[in-house]
């Protein structure tokens, strides 16, 4: 949802030098997503085999904060790690290194202090 402003201009892509043909495609996608109001702002960085192929940013910092997004800007990412942790737990269970019914204190002993072991 855009707050009191017109759709973003195509120039709202961070003005750094393009690294690759892939980055040009990503920039076109970001511009399209902004014009369709599907994103407010974001950063994209892609490495392959240690080589940076994409490093770009686009849009605003938020619906209220209309400063542009840059490649070094930090976003508040609440609840974003839950999916990563869940995936890691599933992989550990799949590899037999953890069981779903193991208490947290089995792999993190300090968590078990003050009566939280069970």
C-alpha atoms as a PDB file:
ATOM      1  CA  UNK A   1       0.000   0.000   0.000  1.00  0.00           C
ATOM      2  CA  UNK A   2       1.495   3.299  -1.100  1.00  0.00           C
ATOM      3  CA  UNK A   3       1.090   6.224   1.277  1.00  0.00           C
ATOM      4  CA  UNK A   4       0.306   9.594  -0.337  1.00  0.00           C
ATOM      5  CA  UNK A   5       2.632   9.330  -3.305  1.00  0.00           C
ATOM      6  CA  UNK A   6       2.473   8.422  -6.970  1.00  0.00           C
ATOM      7  CA  UNK A   7       3.938   5.170  -8.284  1.00  0.00           C
ATOM      8  CA  UNK A   8       7.750   5.249  -8.225  1.00  0.00           C
ATOM      9  CA  UNK A   9       9.739   6.463 -11.209  1.00  0.00           C
ATOM     10  CA  UNK A  10      11.914   3.967 -13.063  1.00  0.00           C
ATOM     11  CA  UNK A  11      14.941   5.860 -11.764  1.00  0.00           C
ATOM     12  CA  UNK A  12      14.315   4.625  -8.225  1.00  0.00           C
ATOM     13  CA  UNK A  13      16.910   1.893  -8.778  1.00  0.00           C
ATOM     14  CA  UNK A  14      20.096   2.545  -6.805  1.00  0.00           C
ATOM     15  CA  UNK A  15      22.532   4.197  -9.272  1.00  0.00           C
ATOM     16  CA  UNK A  16      25.511   1.864  -8.975  1.00  0.00           C
ATOM     17  CA  UNK A  17      27.239   0.272 -11.970  1.00  0.00           C
ATOM     18  CA  UNK A  18      25.595  -2.908 -13.232  1.00  0.00           C
ATOM     19  CA  UNK A  19      27.664  -6.048 -12.633  1.00  0.00           C
ATOM     20  CA  UNK A  20      26.083  -8.405 -15.165  1.00  0.00           C
ATOM     21  CA  UNK A  21      23.282  -9.120 -17.617  1.00  0.00           C
ATOM     22  CA  UNK A  22      21.519 -10.865 -14.724  1.00  0.00           C
ATOM     23  CA  UNK A  23      21.608  -7.650 -12.707  1.00  0.00           C
ATOM     24  CA  UNK A  24      19.982  -5.792 -15.602  1.00  0.00           C
ATOM     25  CA  UNK A  25      17.146  -8.352 -15.560  1.00  0.00           C
ATOM     26  CA  UNK A  26      16.778  -8.023 -11.787  1.00  0.00           C
ATOM     27  CA  UNK A  27      16.630  -4.225 -12.074  1.00  0.00           C
ATOM     28  CA  UNK A  28      13.879  -4.461 -14.709  1.00  0.00           C
ATOM     29  CA  UNK A  29      11.954  -6.856 -12.462  1.00  0.00           C
ATOM     30  CA  UNK A  30      12.293  -4.545  -9.445  1.00  0.00           C
ATOM     31  CA  UNK A  31      11.132  -1.569 -11.490  1.00  0.00           C
ATOM     32  CA  UNK A  32       8.125  -3.551 -12.722  1.00  0.00           C
ATOM     33  CA  UNK A  33       7.257  -4.723  -9.193  1.00  0.00           C
ATOM     34  CA  UNK A  34       7.424  -1.147  -7.904  1.00  0.00           C
ATOM     35  CA  UNK A  35       5.202   0.157 -10.699  1.00  0.00           C
ATOM     36  CA  UNK A  36       2.666  -2.577  -9.934  1.00  0.00           C
ATOM     37  CA  UNK A  37       2.906  -1.606  -6.224  1.00  0.00           C
ATOM     38  CA  UNK A  38       3.941  -5.122  -5.205  1.00  0.00           C
ATOM     39  CA  UNK A  39       7.040  -3.955  -3.337  1.00  0.00           C
ATOM     40  CA  UNK A  40       7.977  -0.750  -1.549  1.00  0.00           C
ATOM     41  CA  UNK A  41      11.712  -1.329  -1.488  1.00  0.00           C
ATOM     42  CA  UNK A  42      14.261  -4.123  -1.407  1.00  0.00           C
ATOM     43  CA  UNK A  43      17.859  -5.178  -1.887  1.00  0.00           C
ATOM     44  CA  UNK A  44      19.109  -8.068  -4.007  1.00  0.00           C
ATOM     45  CA  UNK A  45      22.622  -9.523  -3.902  1.00  0.00           C
ATOM     46  CA  UNK A  46      23.570 -12.729  -5.722  1.00  0.00           C
ATOM     47  CA  UNK A  47      26.858 -14.600  -5.588  1.00  0.00           C
ATOM     48  CA  UNK A  48      27.772 -17.644  -7.661  1.00  0.00           C
ATOM     49  CA  UNK A  49      30.993 -19.543  -6.993  1.00  0.00           C
ATOM     50  CA  UNK A  50      32.340 -16.581  -5.013  1.00  0.00           C
ATOM     51  CA  UNK A  51      31.647 -14.038  -7.762  1.00  0.00           C
ATOM     52  CA  UNK A  52      29.136 -11.259  -7.136  1.00  0.00           C
ATOM     53  CA  UNK A  53      26.678 -11.195 -10.054  1.00  0.00           C
ATOM     54  CA  UNK A  54      24.010  -8.863  -8.663  1.00  0.00           C
ATOM     55  CA  UNK A  55      24.164  -6.086  -6.077  1.00  0.00           C
ATOM     56  CA  UNK A  56      21.287  -3.661  -6.423  1.00  0.00           C
ATOM     57  CA  UNK A  57      18.598  -1.916  -4.439  1.00  0.00           C
ATOM     58  CA  UNK A  58      15.347  -0.208  -5.330  1.00  0.00           C
ATOM     59  CA  UNK A  59      12.472   1.742  -3.864  1.00  0.00           C
ATOM     60  CA  UNK A  60      11.840   3.403  -0.530  1.00  0.00           C
ATOM     61  CA  UNK A  61      12.757   2.332   2.995  1.00  0.00           C
ATOM     62  CA  UNK A  62       9.109   1.938   3.905  1.00  0.00           C
ATOM     63  CA  UNK A  63       5.575   3.177   3.400  1.00  0.00           C
ATOM     64  CA  UNK A  64       6.221   6.172   5.647  1.00  0.00           C
ATOM     65  CA  UNK A  65       9.993   6.612   5.269  1.00  0.00           C
ATOM     66  CA  UNK A  66      10.469   7.841   1.704  1.00  0.00           C
ATOM     67  CA  UNK A  67      14.269   7.843   1.716  1.00  0.00           C
ATOM     68  CA  UNK A  68      15.637   5.583  -1.033  1.00  0.00           C
ATOM     69  CA  UNK A  69      16.904   2.081  -0.300  1.00  0.00           C
ATOM     70  CA  UNK A  70      20.651   1.662  -0.790  1.00  0.00           C
ATOM     71  CA  UNK A  71      22.778  -1.484  -0.895  1.00  0.00           C
ATOM     72  CA  UNK A  72      24.081  -0.954   2.660  1.00  0.00           C
ATOM     73  CA  UNK A  73      20.732  -0.170   4.303  1.00  0.00           C
ATOM     74  CA  UNK A  74      19.594  -2.433   7.142  1.00  0.00           C
ATOM     75  CA  UNK A  75      16.009  -3.690   7.223  1.00  0.00           C
ATOM     76  CA  UNK A  76      14.155  -4.727  10.353  1.00  0.00           C
ATOM     77  CA  UNK A  77      13.487  -8.411   9.703  1.00  0.00           C
ATOM     78  CA  UNK A  78      11.210  -9.609  12.481  1.00  0.00           C
ATOM     79  CA  UNK A  79      10.187 -13.271  12.329  1.00  0.00           C
ATOM     80  CA  UNK A  80      12.268 -13.884   9.197  1.00  0.00           C
ATOM     81  CA  UNK A  81      14.546 -16.418  10.876  1.00  0.00           C
ATOM     82  CA  UNK A  82      11.704 -18.761  11.855  1.00  0.00           C
ATOM     83  CA  UNK A  83      11.632 -20.402   8.422  1.00  0.00           C
ATOM     84  CA  UNK A  84      15.418 -20.773   8.391  1.00  0.00           C
ATOM     85  CA  UNK A  85      15.456 -22.355  11.856  1.00  0.00           C
ATOM     86  CA  UNK A  86      12.572 -24.687  10.950  1.00  0.00           C
ATOM     87  CA  UNK A  87      14.406 -25.802   7.805  1.00  0.00           C
ATOM     88  CA  UNK A  88      17.606 -26.412   9.788  1.00  0.00           C
ATOM     89  CA  UNK A  89      15.713 -28.490  12.376  1.00  0.00           C
ATOM     90  CA  UNK A  90      14.054 -30.577   9.650  1.00  0.00           C
ATOM     91  CA  UNK A  91      17.455 -31.206   8.018  1.00  0.00           C
ATOM     92  CA  UNK A  92      18.979 -32.261  11.350  1.00  0.00           C
ATOM     93  CA  UNK A  93      16.075 -34.659  11.976  1.00  0.00           C
ATOM     94  CA  UNK A  94      16.356 -36.022   8.437  1.00  0.00           C
ATOM     95  CA  UNK A  95      20.067 -36.711   9.020  1.00  0.00           C
ATOM     96  CA  UNK A  96      19.387 -38.427  12.350  1.00  0.00           C
ATOM     97  CA  UNK A  97      21.199 -35.758  14.374  1.00  0.00           C
ATOM     98  CA  UNK A  98      18.086 -34.561  16.218  1.00  0.00           C
ATOM     99  CA  UNK A  99      14.637 -35.873  17.076  1.00  0.00           C
ATOM    100  CA  UNK A 100      11.501 -33.757  17.152  1.00  0.00           C
ATOM    101  CA  UNK A 101      10.730 -34.872  20.699  1.00  0.00           C
ATOM    102  CA  UNK A 102      14.216 -34.066  22.050  1.00  0.00           C
ATOM    103  CA  UNK A 103      14.129 -31.325  24.677  1.00  0.00           C
ATOM    104  CA  UNK A 104      15.848 -28.094  23.612  1.00  0.00           C
ATOM    105  CA  UNK A 105      18.306 -28.578  26.491  1.00  0.00           C
ATOM    106  CA  UNK A 106      19.625 -31.758  24.799  1.00  0.00           C
ATOM    107  CA  UNK A 107      21.455 -29.635  22.226  1.00  0.00           C
ATOM    108  CA  UNK A 108      21.574 -26.335  24.161  1.00  0.00           C
ATOM    109  CA  UNK A 109      22.436 -27.192  27.793  1.00  0.00           C
ATOM    110  CA  UNK A 110      22.301 -23.571  28.996  1.00  0.00           C
ATOM    111  CA  UNK A 111      18.624 -23.462  27.982  1.00  0.00           C
ATOM    112  CA  UNK A 112      17.908 -26.144  30.592  1.00  0.00           C
ATOM    113  CA  UNK A 113      18.909 -23.967  33.549  1.00  0.00           C
ATOM    114  CA  UNK A 114      16.346 -22.692  36.066  1.00  0.00           C
ATOM    115  CA  UNK A 115      13.954 -25.599  35.627  1.00  0.00           C
ATOM    116  CA  UNK A 116      13.633 -25.475  31.821  1.00  0.00           C
ATOM    117  CA  UNK A 117      15.421 -28.791  31.205  1.00  0.00           C
ATOM    118  CA  UNK A 118      12.178 -30.628  30.541  1.00  0.00           C
END
